[in-house]
Amino acid sequence: RSPVMLWSARTGLAFSAPGGYFIGPSG
């Protein structure tokens, strides 16, 4: 569970942040 994703969603993506719950490359 990613707190920053909830903060970002509830503020309409008002800021950029590291991390998150998604699938991406290993490097």
mmCIF file of all heavy atoms, coordinates in Angstrom:
data_MODEL
# 
_entry.id   MODEL 
# 
loop_
_atom_site.group_PDB 
_atom_site.id 
_atom_site.type_symbol 
_atom_site.label_atom_id 
_atom_site.label_alt_id 
_atom_site.label_comp_id 
_atom_site.label_asym_id 
_atom_site.label_entity_id 
_atom_site.label_seq_id 
_atom_site.pdbx_PDB_ins_code 
_atom_site.Cartn_x 
_atom_site.Cartn_y 
_atom_site.Cartn_z 
_atom_site.occupancy 
_atom_site.B_iso_or_equiv 
_atom_site.pdbx_formal_charge 
_atom_site.auth_seq_id 
_atom_site.auth_comp_id 
_atom_site.auth_asym_id 
_atom_site.auth_atom_id 
_atom_site.pdbx_PDB_model_num 
ATOM 1   N N   . ARG A 1 1  ? 0.846  -1.189 0.000   1.00 0.00 ? 1  ARG A N   1 
ATOM 2   C CA  . ARG A 1 1  ? 0.000  0.000  0.000   1.00 0.00 ? 1  ARG A CA  1 
ATOM 3   C C   . ARG A 1 1  ? 0.879  1.237  0.000   1.00 0.00 ? 1  ARG A C   1 
ATOM 4   O O   . ARG A 1 1  ? 1.729  1.406  0.877   1.00 0.00 ? 1  ARG A O   1 
ATOM 5   C CB  . ARG A 1 1  ? -0.896 -0.018 1.242   1.00 0.00 ? 1  ARG A CB  1 
ATOM 6   C CG  . ARG A 1 1  ? -1.912 1.090  1.290   1.00 0.00 ? 1  ARG A CG  1 
ATOM 7   C CD  . ARG A 1 1  ? -2.666 1.127  2.613   1.00 0.00 ? 1  ARG A CD  1 
ATOM 8   N NE  . ARG A 1 1  ? -3.345 -0.131 2.907   1.00 0.00 ? 1  ARG A NE  1 
ATOM 9   C CZ  . ARG A 1 1  ? -4.154 -0.285 3.941   1.00 0.00 ? 1  ARG A CZ  1 
ATOM 10  N NH1 . ARG A 1 1  ? -4.361 0.718  4.790   1.00 0.00 ? 1  ARG A NH1 1 
ATOM 11  N NH2 . ARG A 1 1  ? -4.740 -1.430 4.153   1.00 0.00 ? 1  ARG A NH2 1 
ATOM 12  N N   . SER A 1 2  ? 0.695  2.126  -0.964  1.00 0.00 ? 2  SER A N   1 
ATOM 13  C CA  . SER A 1 2  ? 1.588  3.268  -1.150  1.00 0.00 ? 2  SER A CA  1 
ATOM 14  C C   . SER A 1 2  ? 0.920  4.551  -0.669  1.00 0.00 ? 2  SER A C   1 
ATOM 15  O O   . SER A 1 2  ? 0.006  5.057  -1.318  1.00 0.00 ? 2  SER A O   1 
ATOM 16  C CB  . SER A 1 2  ? 1.968  3.409  -2.636  1.00 0.00 ? 2  SER A CB  1 
ATOM 17  O OG  . SER A 1 2  ? 2.726  4.577  -2.839  1.00 0.00 ? 2  SER A OG  1 
ATOM 18  N N   . PRO A 1 3  ? 1.378  5.114  0.459   1.00 0.00 ? 3  PRO A N   1 
ATOM 19  C CA  . PRO A 1 3  ? 0.759  6.364  0.931   1.00 0.00 ? 3  PRO A CA  1 
ATOM 20  C C   . PRO A 1 3  ? 0.863  7.499  -0.078  1.00 0.00 ? 3  PRO A C   1 
ATOM 21  O O   . PRO A 1 3  ? -0.084 8.253  -0.272  1.00 0.00 ? 3  PRO A O   1 
ATOM 22  C CB  . PRO A 1 3  ? 1.543  6.678  2.217   1.00 0.00 ? 3  PRO A CB  1 
ATOM 23  C CG  . PRO A 1 3  ? 2.170  5.399  2.634   1.00 0.00 ? 3  PRO A CG  1 
ATOM 24  C CD  . PRO A 1 3  ? 2.424  4.636  1.375   1.00 0.00 ? 3  PRO A CD  1 
ATOM 25  N N   . VAL A 1 4  ? 2.021  7.607  -0.735  1.00 0.00 ? 4  VAL A N   1 
ATOM 26  C CA  . VAL A 1 4  ? 2.204  8.758  -1.620  1.00 0.00 ? 4  VAL A CA  1 
ATOM 27  C C   . VAL A 1 4  ? 1.272  8.685  -2.820  1.00 0.00 ? 4  VAL A C   1 
ATOM 28  O O   . VAL A 1 4  ? 0.847  9.721  -3.350  1.00 0.00 ? 4  VAL A O   1 
ATOM 29  C CB  . VAL A 1 4  ? 3.671  8.880  -2.059  1.00 0.00 ? 4  VAL A CB  1 
ATOM 30  C CG1 . VAL A 1 4  ? 4.017  7.888  -3.163  1.00 0.00 ? 4  VAL A CG1 1 
ATOM 31  C CG2 . VAL A 1 4  ? 3.991  10.299 -2.512  1.00 0.00 ? 4  VAL A CG2 1 
ATOM 32  N N   . MET A 1 5  ? 0.892  7.481  -3.255  1.00 0.00 ? 5  MET A N   1 
ATOM 33  C CA  . MET A 1 5  ? -0.055 7.369  -4.367  1.00 0.00 ? 5  MET A CA  1 
ATOM 34  C C   . MET A 1 5  ? -1.431 7.869  -3.942  1.00 0.00 ? 5  MET A C   1 
ATOM 35  O O   . MET A 1 5  ? -2.138 8.508  -4.730  1.00 0.00 ? 5  MET A O   1 
ATOM 36  C CB  . MET A 1 5  ? -0.142 5.926  -4.862  1.00 0.00 ? 5  MET A CB  1 
ATOM 37  C CG  . MET A 1 5  ? 1.049  5.483  -5.684  1.00 0.00 ? 5  MET A CG  1 
ATOM 38  S SD  . MET A 1 5  ? 0.812  3.877  -6.480  1.00 0.00 ? 5  MET A SD  1 
ATOM 39  C CE  . MET A 1 5  ? -0.285 4.314  -7.831  1.00 0.00 ? 5  MET A CE  1 
ATOM 40  N N   . LEU A 1 6  ? -1.819 7.576  -2.702  1.00 0.00 ? 6  LEU A N   1 
ATOM 41  C CA  . LEU A 1 6  ? -3.102 8.086  -2.210  1.00 0.00 ? 6  LEU A CA  1 
ATOM 42  C C   . LEU A 1 6  ? -3.050 9.601  -2.080  1.00 0.00 ? 6  LEU A C   1 
ATOM 43  O O   . LEU A 1 6  ? -3.989 10.298 -2.486  1.00 0.00 ? 6  LEU A O   1 
ATOM 44  C CB  . LEU A 1 6  ? -3.440 7.451  -0.869  1.00 0.00 ? 6  LEU A CB  1 
ATOM 45  C CG  . LEU A 1 6  ? -4.794 7.846  -0.284  1.00 0.00 ? 6  LEU A CG  1 
ATOM 46  C CD1 . LEU A 1 6  ? -5.934 7.366  -1.179  1.00 0.00 ? 6  LEU A CD1 1 
ATOM 47  C CD2 . LEU A 1 6  ? -4.964 7.304  1.128   1.00 0.00 ? 6  LEU A CD2 1 
ATOM 48  N N   . TRP A 1 7  ? -1.954 10.126 -1.548  1.00 0.00 ? 7  TRP A N   1 
ATOM 49  C CA  . TRP A 1 7  ? -1.816 11.578 -1.440  1.00 0.00 ? 7  TRP A CA  1 
ATOM 50  C C   . TRP A 1 7  ? -1.885 12.224 -2.816  1.00 0.00 ? 7  TRP A C   1 
ATOM 51  O O   . TRP A 1 7  ? -2.552 13.238 -3.007  1.00 0.00 ? 7  TRP A O   1 
ATOM 52  C CB  . TRP A 1 7  ? -0.478 11.945 -0.798  1.00 0.00 ? 7  TRP A CB  1 
ATOM 53  C CG  . TRP A 1 7  ? -0.260 11.439 0.596   1.00 0.00 ? 7  TRP A CG  1 
ATOM 54  C CD1 . TRP A 1 7  ? -1.115 10.663 1.345   1.00 0.00 ? 7  TRP A CD1 1 
ATOM 55  C CD2 . TRP A 1 7  ? 0.897  11.641 1.406   1.00 0.00 ? 7  TRP A CD2 1 
ATOM 56  N NE1 . TRP A 1 7  ? -0.558 10.376 2.555   1.00 0.00 ? 7  TRP A NE1 1 
ATOM 57  C CE2 . TRP A 1 7  ? 0.682  10.969 2.633   1.00 0.00 ? 7  TRP A CE2 1 
ATOM 58  C CE3 . TRP A 1 7  ? 2.092  12.317 1.215   1.00 0.00 ? 7  TRP A CE3 1 
ATOM 59  C CZ2 . TRP A 1 7  ? 1.632  10.969 3.659   1.00 0.00 ? 7  TRP A CZ2 1 
ATOM 60  C CZ3 . TRP A 1 7  ? 3.040  12.314 2.229   1.00 0.00 ? 7  TRP A CZ3 1 
ATOM 61  C CH2 . TRP A 1 7  ? 2.808  11.649 3.441   1.00 0.00 ? 7  TRP A CH2 1 
ATOM 62  N N   . SER A 1 8  ? -1.188 11.634 -3.783  1.00 0.00 ? 8  SER A N   1 
ATOM 63  C CA  . SER A 1 8  ? -1.159 12.183 -5.131  1.00 0.00 ? 8  SER A CA  1 
ATOM 64  C C   . SER A 1 8  ? -2.541 12.124 -5.778  1.00 0.00 ? 8  SER A C   1 
ATOM 65  O O   . SER A 1 8  ? -3.000 13.099 -6.388  1.00 0.00 ? 8  SER A O   1 
ATOM 66  C CB  . SER A 1 8  ? -0.141 11.411 -5.976  1.00 0.00 ? 8  SER A CB  1 
ATOM 67  O OG  . SER A 1 8  ? -0.109 11.881 -7.302  1.00 0.00 ? 8  SER A OG  1 
ATOM 68  N N   . ALA A 1 9  ? -3.234 10.979 -5.631  1.00 0.00 ? 9  ALA A N   1 
ATOM 69  C CA  . ALA A 1 9  ? -4.560 10.830 -6.236  1.00 0.00 ? 9  ALA A CA  1 
ATOM 70  C C   . ALA A 1 9  ? -5.548 11.817 -5.642  1.00 0.00 ? 9  ALA A C   1 
ATOM 71  O O   . ALA A 1 9  ? -6.312 12.471 -6.369  1.00 0.00 ? 9  ALA A O   1 
ATOM 72  C CB  . ALA A 1 9  ? -5.058 9.395  -6.049  1.00 0.00 ? 9  ALA A CB  1 
ATOM 73  N N   . ARG A 1 10 ? -5.540 11.936 -4.316  1.00 0.00 ? 10 ARG A N   1 
ATOM 74  C CA  . ARG A 1 10 ? -6.529 12.789 -3.658  1.00 0.00 ? 10 ARG A CA  1 
ATOM 75  C C   . ARG A 1 10 ? -6.244 14.279 -3.868  1.00 0.00 ? 10 ARG A C   1 
ATOM 76  O O   . ARG A 1 10 ? -7.121 15.112 -3.608  1.00 0.00 ? 10 ARG A O   1 
ATOM 77  C CB  . ARG A 1 10 ? -6.574 12.465 -2.160  1.00 0.00 ? 10 ARG A CB  1 
ATOM 78  C CG  . ARG A 1 10 ? -7.052 11.025 -1.852  1.00 0.00 ? 10 ARG A CG  1 
ATOM 79  C CD  . ARG A 1 10 ? -8.522 10.837 -2.140  1.00 0.00 ? 10 ARG A CD  1 
ATOM 80  N NE  . ARG A 1 10 ? -8.958 9.454  -1.996  1.00 0.00 ? 10 ARG A NE  1 
ATOM 81  C CZ  . ARG A 1 10 ? -9.443 8.910  -0.873  1.00 0.00 ? 10 ARG A CZ  1 
ATOM 82  N NH1 . ARG A 1 10 ? -9.529 9.648  0.223   1.00 0.00 ? 10 ARG A NH1 1 
ATOM 83  N NH2 . ARG A 1 10 ? -9.823 7.657  -0.853  1.00 0.00 ? 10 ARG A NH2 1 
ATOM 84  N N   . THR A 1 11 ? -5.046 14.615 -4.326  1.00 0.00 ? 11 THR A N   1 
ATOM 85  C CA  . THR A 1 11 ? -4.728 16.021 -4.621  1.00 0.00 ? 11 THR A CA  1 
ATOM 86  C C   . THR A 1 11 ? -4.663 16.291 -6.126  1.00 0.00 ? 11 THR A C   1 
ATOM 87  O O   . THR A 1 11 ? -4.204 17.352 -6.549  1.00 0.00 ? 11 THR A O   1 
ATOM 88  C CB  . THR A 1 11 ? -3.382 16.427 -3.981  1.00 0.00 ? 11 THR A CB  1 
ATOM 89  O OG1 . THR A 1 11 ? -2.346 15.570 -4.473  1.00 0.00 ? 11 THR A OG1 1 
ATOM 90  C CG2 . THR A 1 11 ? -3.449 16.332 -2.468  1.00 0.00 ? 11 THR A CG2 1 
ATOM 91  N N   . GLY A 1 12 ? -5.110 15.333 -6.934  1.00 0.00 ? 12 GLY A N   1 
ATOM 92  C CA  . GLY A 1 12 ? -5.137 15.548 -8.379  1.00 0.00 ? 12 GLY A CA  1 
ATOM 93  C C   . GLY A 1 12 ? -3.780 15.598 -9.029  1.00 0.00 ? 12 GLY A C   1 
ATOM 94  O O   . GLY A 1 12 ? -3.578 16.340 -9.997  1.00 0.00 ? 12 GLY A O   1 
ATOM 95  N N   . LEU A 1 13 ? -2.833 14.771 -8.530  1.00 0.00 ? 13 LEU A N   1 
ATOM 96  C CA  . LEU A 1 13 ? -1.465 14.737 -9.065  1.00 0.00 ? 13 LEU A CA  1 
ATOM 97  C C   . LEU A 1 13 ? -0.822 16.123 -9.010  1.00 0.00 ? 13 LEU A C   1 
ATOM 98  O O   . LEU A 1 13 ? -0.190 16.581 -9.954  1.00 0.00 ? 13 LEU A O   1 
ATOM 99  C CB  . LEU A 1 13 ? -1.440 14.190 -10.504 1.00 0.00 ? 13 LEU A CB  1 
ATOM 100 C CG  . LEU A 1 13 ? -1.379 12.664 -10.665 1.00 0.00 ? 13 LEU A CG  1 
ATOM 101 C CD1 . LEU A 1 13 ? -2.627 11.984 -10.128 1.00 0.00 ? 13 LEU A CD1 1 
ATOM 102 C CD2 . LEU A 1 13 ? -1.142 12.267 -12.106 1.00 0.00 ? 13 LEU A CD2 1 
ATOM 103 N N   . ALA A 1 14 ? -0.981 16.767 -7.857  1.00 0.00 ? 14 ALA A N   1 
ATOM 104 C CA  . ALA A 1 14 ? -0.471 18.134 -7.711  1.00 0.00 ? 14 ALA A CA  1 
ATOM 105 C C   . ALA A 1 14 ? 1.046  18.180 -7.609  1.00 0.00 ? 14 ALA A C   1 
ATOM 106 O O   . ALA A 1 14 ? 1.651  19.233 -7.833  1.00 0.00 ? 14 ALA A O   1 
ATOM 107 C CB  . ALA A 1 14 ? -1.091 18.792 -6.471  1.00 0.00 ? 14 ALA A CB  1 
ATOM 108 N N   . PHE A 1 15 ? 1.686  17.066 -7.265  1.00 0.00 ? 15 PHE A N   1 
ATOM 109 C CA  . PHE A 1 15 ? 3.144  17.060 -7.092  1.00 0.00 ? 15 PHE A CA  1 
ATOM 110 C C   . PHE A 1 15 ? 3.703  15.752 -7.639  1.00 0.00 ? 15 PHE A C   1 
ATOM 111 O O   . PHE A 1 15 ? 2.983  14.776 -7.866  1.00 0.00 ? 15 PHE A O   1 
ATOM 112 C CB  . PHE A 1 15 ? 3.510  17.204 -5.617  1.00 0.00 ? 15 PHE A CB  1 
ATOM 113 C CG  . PHE A 1 15 ? 2.861  16.168 -4.733  1.00 0.00 ? 15 PHE A CG  1 
ATOM 114 C CD1 . PHE A 1 15 ? 3.423  14.918 -4.547  1.00 0.00 ? 15 PHE A CD1 1 
ATOM 115 C CD2 . PHE A 1 15 ? 1.665  16.448 -4.083  1.00 0.00 ? 15 PHE A CD2 1 
ATOM 116 C CE1 . PHE A 1 15 ? 2.826  13.957 -3.751  1.00 0.00 ? 15 PHE A CE1 1 
ATOM 117 C CE2 . PHE A 1 15 ? 1.048  15.503 -3.276  1.00 0.00 ? 15 PHE A CE2 1 
ATOM 118 C CZ  . PHE A 1 15 ? 1.630  14.254 -3.108  1.00 0.00 ? 15 PHE A CZ  1 
ATOM 119 N N   . SER A 1 16 ? 5.014  15.730 -7.848  1.00 0.00 ? 16 SER A N   1 
ATOM 120 C CA  . SER A 1 16 ? 5.703  14.507 -8.263  1.00 0.00 ? 16 SER A CA  1 
ATOM 121 C C   . SER A 1 16 ? 6.311  13.852 -7.041  1.00 0.00 ? 16 SER A C   1 
ATOM 122 O O   . SER A 1 16 ? 6.647  14.514 -6.052  1.00 0.00 ? 16 SER A O   1 
ATOM 123 C CB  . SER A 1 16 ? 6.796  14.832 -9.284  1.00 0.00 ? 16 SER A CB  1 
ATOM 124 O OG  . SER A 1 16 ? 6.228  15.343 -10.468 1.00 0.00 ? 16 SER A OG  1 
ATOM 125 N N   . ALA A 1 17 ? 6.453  12.514 -7.112  1.00 0.00 ? 17 ALA A N   1 
ATOM 126 C CA  . ALA A 1 17 ? 6.961  11.777 -5.957  1.00 0.00 ? 17 ALA A CA  1 
ATOM 127 C C   . ALA A 1 17 ? 7.687  10.528 -6.434  1.00 0.00 ? 17 ALA A C   1 
ATOM 128 O O   . ALA A 1 17 ? 7.377  9.982  -7.495  1.00 0.00 ? 17 ALA A O   1 
ATOM 129 C CB  . ALA A 1 17 ? 5.817  11.388 -5.024  1.00 0.00 ? 17 ALA A CB  1 
ATOM 130 N N   . PRO A 1 18 ? 8.661  10.052 -5.651  1.00 0.00 ? 18 PRO A N   1 
ATOM 131 C CA  . PRO A 1 18 ? 9.300  8.776  -5.977  1.00 0.00 ? 18 PRO A CA  1 
ATOM 132 C C   . PRO A 1 18 ? 8.446  7.614  -5.486  1.00 0.00 ? 18 PRO A C   1 
ATOM 133 O O   . PRO A 1 18 ? 7.490  7.785  -4.734  1.00 0.00 ? 18 PRO A O   1 
ATOM 134 C CB  . PRO A 1 18 ? 10.617 8.845  -5.210  1.00 0.00 ? 18 PRO A CB  1 
ATOM 135 C CG  . PRO A 1 18 ? 10.306 9.698  -4.019  1.00 0.00 ? 18 PRO A CG  1 
ATOM 136 C CD  . PRO A 1 18 ? 9.293  10.706 -4.487  1.00 0.00 ? 18 PRO A CD  1 
ATOM 137 N N   . GLY A 1 19 ? 8.815  6.403  -5.928  1.00 0.00 ? 19 GLY A N   1 
ATOM 138 C CA  . GLY A 1 19 ? 8.128  5.208  -5.460  1.00 0.00 ? 19 GLY A CA  1 
ATOM 139 C C   . GLY A 1 19 ? 6.778  5.026  -6.103  1.00 0.00 ? 19 GLY A C   1 
ATOM 140 O O   . GLY A 1 19 ? 6.432  5.642  -7.108  1.00 0.00 ? 19 GLY A O   1 
ATOM 141 N N   . GLY A 1 20 ? 5.977  4.143  -5.503  1.00 0.00 ? 20 GLY A N   1 
ATOM 142 C CA  . GLY A 1 20 ? 4.648  3.864  -6.000  1.00 0.00 ? 20 GLY A CA  1 
ATOM 143 C C   . GLY A 1 20 ? 4.430  2.389  -6.263  1.00 0.00 ? 20 GLY A C   1 
ATOM 144 O O   . GLY A 1 20 ? 5.358  1.579  -6.233  1.00 0.00 ? 20 GLY A O   1 
ATOM 145 N N   . TYR A 1 21 ? 3.178  2.052  -6.518  1.00 0.00 ? 21 TYR A N   1 
ATOM 146 C CA  . TYR A 1 21 ? 2.732  0.671  -6.760  1.00 0.00 ? 21 TYR A CA  1 
ATOM 147 C C   . TYR A 1 21 ? 2.425  0.543  -8.247  1.00 0.00 ? 21 TYR A C   1 
ATOM 148 O O   . TYR A 1 21 ? 1.399  1.021  -8.720  1.00 0.00 ? 21 TYR A O   1 
ATOM 149 C CB  . TYR A 1 21 ? 1.509  0.411  -5.886  1.00 0.00 ? 21 TYR A CB  1 
ATOM 150 C CG  . TYR A 1 21 ? 0.825  -0.926 -6.067  1.00 0.00 ? 21 TYR A CG  1 
ATOM 151 C CD1 . TYR A 1 21 ? 1.519  -2.056 -6.488  1.00 0.00 ? 21 TYR A CD1 1 
ATOM 152 C CD2 . TYR A 1 21 ? -0.520 -1.069 -5.786  1.00 0.00 ? 21 TYR A CD2 1 
ATOM 153 C CE1 . TYR A 1 21 ? 0.887  -3.279 -6.638  1.00 0.00 ? 21 TYR A CE1 1 
ATOM 154 C CE2 . TYR A 1 21 ? -1.175 -2.282 -5.915  1.00 0.00 ? 21 TYR A CE2 1 
ATOM 155 C CZ  . TYR A 1 21 ? -0.465 -3.389 -6.339  1.00 0.00 ? 21 TYR A CZ  1 
ATOM 156 O OH  . TYR A 1 21 ? -1.106 -4.588 -6.482  1.00 0.00 ? 21 TYR A OH  1 
ATOM 157 N N   . PHE A 1 22 ? 3.330  -0.083 -8.981  1.00 0.00 ? 22 PHE A N   1 
ATOM 158 C CA  . PHE A 1 22 ? 3.193  -0.233 -10.429 1.00 0.00 ? 22 PHE A CA  1 
ATOM 159 C C   . PHE A 1 22 ? 4.159  -1.333 -10.860 1.00 0.00 ? 22 PHE A C   1 
ATOM 160 O O   . PHE A 1 22 ? 4.893  -1.886 -10.034 1.00 0.00 ? 22 PHE A O   1 
ATOM 161 C CB  . PHE A 1 22 ? 3.531  1.076  -11.154 1.00 0.00 ? 22 PHE A CB  1 
ATOM 162 C CG  . PHE A 1 22 ? 4.946  1.551  -10.894 1.00 0.00 ? 22 PHE A CG  1 
ATOM 163 C CD1 . PHE A 1 22 ? 5.978  1.217  -11.754 1.00 0.00 ? 22 PHE A CD1 1 
ATOM 164 C CD2 . PHE A 1 22 ? 5.241  2.318  -9.772  1.00 0.00 ? 22 PHE A CD2 1 
ATOM 165 C CE1 . PHE A 1 22 ? 7.281  1.618  -11.507 1.00 0.00 ? 22 PHE A CE1 1 
ATOM 166 C CE2 . PHE A 1 22 ? 6.540  2.728  -9.520  1.00 0.00 ? 22 PHE A CE2 1 
ATOM 167 C CZ  . PHE A 1 22 ? 7.560  2.384  -10.387 1.00 0.00 ? 22 PHE A CZ  1 
ATOM 168 N N   . ILE A 1 23 ? 4.155  -1.677 -12.124 1.00 0.00 ? 23 ILE A N   1 
ATOM 169 C CA  . ILE A 1 23 ? 5.127  -2.630 -12.656 1.00 0.00 ? 23 ILE A CA  1 
ATOM 170 C C   . ILE A 1 23 ? 6.055  -1.877 -13.600 1.00 0.00 ? 23 ILE A C   1 
ATOM 171 O O   . ILE A 1 23 ? 5.603  -1.127 -14.466 1.00 0.00 ? 23 ILE A O   1 
ATOM 172 C CB  . ILE A 1 23 ? 4.448  -3.788 -13.397 1.00 0.00 ? 23 ILE A CB  1 
ATOM 173 C CG1 . ILE A 1 23 ? 3.524  -4.555 -12.451 1.00 0.00 ? 23 ILE A CG1 1 
ATOM 174 C CG2 . ILE A 1 23 ? 5.490  -4.741 -13.980 1.00 0.00 ? 23 ILE A CG2 1 
ATOM 175 C CD1 . ILE A 1 23 ? 2.782  -5.691 -13.112 1.00 0.00 ? 23 ILE A CD1 1 
ATOM 176 N N   . GLY A 1 24 ? 7.337  -2.075 -13.431 1.00 0.00 ? 24 GLY A N   1 
ATOM 177 C CA  . GLY A 1 24 ? 8.336  -1.411 -14.263 1.00 0.00 ? 24 GLY A CA  1 
ATOM 178 C C   . GLY A 1 24 ? 9.542  -2.313 -14.452 1.00 0.00 ? 24 GLY A C   1 
ATOM 179 O O   . GLY A 1 24 ? 9.578  -3.451 -13.978 1.00 0.00 ? 24 GLY A O   1 
ATOM 180 N N   . PRO A 1 25 ? 10.566 -1.823 -15.134 1.00 0.00 ? 25 PRO A N   1 
ATOM 181 C CA  . PRO A 1 25 ? 11.782 -2.615 -15.348 1.00 0.00 ? 25 PRO A CA  1 
ATOM 182 C C   . PRO A 1 25 ? 12.614 -2.705 -14.075 1.00 0.00 ? 25 PRO A C   1 
ATOM 183 O O   . PRO A 1 25 ? 12.506 -1.862 -13.178 1.00 0.00 ? 25 PRO A O   1 
ATOM 184 C CB  . PRO A 1 25 ? 12.511 -1.846 -16.446 1.00 0.00 ? 25 PRO A CB  1 
ATOM 185 C CG  . PRO A 1 25 ? 12.062 -0.427 -16.255 1.00 0.00 ? 25 PRO A CG  1 
ATOM 186 C CD  . PRO A 1 25 ? 10.644 -0.498 -15.782 1.00 0.00 ? 25 PRO A CD  1 
ATOM 187 N N   . SER A 1 26 ? 13.470 -3.718 -14.022 1.00 0.00 ? 26 SER A N   1 
ATOM 188 C CA  . SER A 1 26 ? 14.314 -3.911 -12.836 1.00 0.00 ? 26 SER A CA  1 
ATOM 189 C C   . SER A 1 26 ? 15.455 -2.909 -12.758 1.00 0.00 ? 26 SER A C   1 
ATOM 190 O O   . SER A 1 26 ? 16.038 -2.712 -11.695 1.00 0.00 ? 26 SER A O   1 
ATOM 191 C CB  . SER A 1 26 ? 14.886 -5.336 -12.820 1.00 0.00 ? 26 SER A CB  1 
ATOM 192 O OG  . SER A 1 26 ? 13.850 -6.283 -12.675 1.00 0.00 ? 26 SER A OG  1 
ATOM 193 N N   . GLY A 1 27 ? 15.784 -2.273 -13.867 1.00 0.00 ? 27 GLY A N   1 
ATOM 194 C CA  . GLY A 1 27 ? 16.850 -1.278 -13.859 1.00 0.00 ? 27 GLY A CA  1 
ATOM 195 C C   . GLY A 1 27 ? 17.032 -0.692 -15.241 1.00 0.00 ? 27 GLY A C   1 
ATOM 196 O O   . GLY A 1 27 ? 16.390 -1.122 -16.204 1.00 0.00 ? 27 GLY A O   1 
# 
